[in-house]
Protein backbone atom coordinates (compact mmCIF):
# COMPACT_ATOMS: atom_id res chain seq x y z
CA MET A 1 81.10 80.36 93.45
CA PRO A 2 79.44 83.80 93.46
CA SER A 3 79.78 86.16 90.54
CA ARG A 4 80.25 89.89 90.67
CA ALA A 5 78.50 92.29 88.27
CA VAL A 6 80.30 95.24 86.72
CA THR A 7 78.80 97.81 84.35
CA VAL A 8 81.25 98.64 81.56
CA GLY A 9 80.86 102.06 80.01
CA THR A 10 82.31 104.04 77.13
CA ALA A 11 85.20 105.07 79.37
CA VAL A 12 87.76 102.54 80.57
CA THR A 13 86.30 100.60 83.50
CA PRO A 14 88.44 98.69 86.02
CA LEU A 15 87.33 95.04 86.19
CA LEU A 16 90.02 93.39 88.34
CA SER A 17 92.94 94.60 90.41
CA TYR A 18 96.21 92.66 90.61
CA ASN A 19 95.93 89.65 92.93
CA PRO A 20 98.74 87.05 93.00
CA ARG A 21 96.40 84.51 94.68
CA ARG A 22 93.88 84.49 91.78
CA THR A 23 94.24 81.26 89.79
CA THR A 24 91.28 81.51 87.42
CA VAL A 25 89.03 84.29 86.18
CA ALA A 26 86.10 84.23 83.77
CA VAL A 27 84.48 87.34 82.31
CA PHE A 28 80.97 86.92 80.85
CA ASN A 29 79.30 89.51 78.62
CA GLU A 30 75.58 89.58 79.45
CA ASP A 31 74.84 92.53 77.19
CA SER A 32 73.96 92.87 73.49
CA ALA A 33 77.03 94.99 72.71
CA THR A 34 80.61 93.73 72.39
CA VAL A 35 82.88 94.40 75.37
CA PHE A 36 86.65 94.70 74.98
CA ILE A 37 88.96 93.69 77.84
CA GLY A 38 92.69 93.85 78.43
CA GLU A 39 95.52 94.45 80.88
CA ASP A 40 96.52 97.75 79.27
CA GLN A 41 93.86 100.42 79.54
CA THR A 42 95.03 102.31 76.46
CA ASN A 43 93.43 101.55 73.08
CA LEU A 44 91.09 98.86 74.46
CA LEU A 45 88.59 99.35 71.61
CA THR A 46 91.25 98.56 69.00
CA GLN A 47 93.66 96.28 70.87
CA GLY A 48 91.56 94.69 73.60
CA SER A 49 90.14 91.16 73.43
CA PRO A 50 86.50 91.29 72.30
CA ILE A 51 83.75 89.43 74.12
CA THR A 52 80.66 89.34 71.94
CA ALA A 53 77.11 89.34 73.30
CA GLY A 54 76.54 86.26 75.44
CA GLY A 55 80.21 85.27 75.18
CA ALA A 56 82.94 84.79 77.75
CA LEU A 57 86.70 84.66 78.14
CA THR A 58 88.41 82.50 80.75
CA PHE A 59 91.99 82.79 81.99
CA VAL A 60 93.51 79.81 83.84
CA ALA A 61 96.98 79.95 85.42
CA ALA A 62 97.47 76.17 85.03
CA LEU A 63 97.16 76.65 81.26
CA GLY A 64 99.76 79.43 81.13
CA ASP A 65 97.33 82.36 81.32
CA THR A 66 97.79 85.30 83.71
CA PRO A 67 94.55 85.65 85.69
CA ASP A 68 96.41 87.40 88.52
CA ARG A 69 96.89 90.64 86.56
CA GLN A 70 94.72 93.74 86.58
CA MET A 71 92.08 93.95 83.87
CA PHE A 72 90.07 96.75 82.28
CA GLY A 73 87.01 96.84 80.04
CA ILE A 74 85.23 99.19 77.66
CA SER A 75 82.16 99.08 75.42
CA ALA A 76 81.45 101.34 72.44
CA ALA A 77 77.74 101.18 73.31
CA GLY A 78 78.22 101.83 77.04
CA GLY A 79 76.32 100.44 79.98
CA ALA A 80 77.25 96.82 79.22
CA ASN A 81 76.69 94.31 82.03
CA VAL A 82 79.50 91.83 82.61
CA ARG A 83 79.85 89.14 85.29
CA ILE A 84 83.18 88.17 86.78
CA LEU A 85 83.97 84.84 88.44
CA GLU A 86 87.25 84.40 90.31
CA GLN A 87 88.97 81.40 91.90
CA PHE A 88 91.81 81.55 94.40
CA GLY A 89 94.22 79.23 96.16
CA GLN A 90 96.76 76.60 95.36
CA LEU A 91 96.60 74.88 92.01
CA PRO A 92 96.68 71.09 92.02
CA PRO A 93 99.87 69.62 90.55
CA LEU A 94 99.61 68.72 86.89
CA GLU A 95 100.01 65.03 86.21
CA THR A 96 101.73 63.53 83.21
CA PRO A 97 99.37 61.25 81.29
CA ALA A 98 100.10 57.53 81.43
CA VAL A 99 102.14 56.12 78.56
CA ARG A 100 100.13 54.07 76.09
CA VAL A 101 101.41 50.57 75.40
CA PRO A 102 100.98 49.48 71.79
CA VAL A 103 98.81 46.39 71.25
CA SER A 104 100.02 43.73 68.83
CA ASN A 105 97.73 42.95 65.90
CA SER A 106 99.48 39.72 64.93
CA GLY A 107 96.27 37.70 65.20
CA THR A 108 97.77 35.08 67.52
CA PRO A 109 96.54 34.65 71.09
């Protein structure tokens, strides 16, 4: 799956627009400065989720996350390079794990 590069500056930078078909998104910080991301573009430096240098955050709808929402980023250092990976389409149905059957330890065959 191809990634898309976005340069995050000292002003709020749009990373993703709302897309109800997006099922997973990962944001990778390829810079040496921390990048802050969030759905609300106000106070990102103090209330956004930090991604440290070389780190990433992943949002997966099947796990209860909201990857479909818009997302913004900011960096106090400016000029930070981030990569964005998106996945779209139907999610596979979640399966309930099989029930474990206890094994007797009575020692008799």
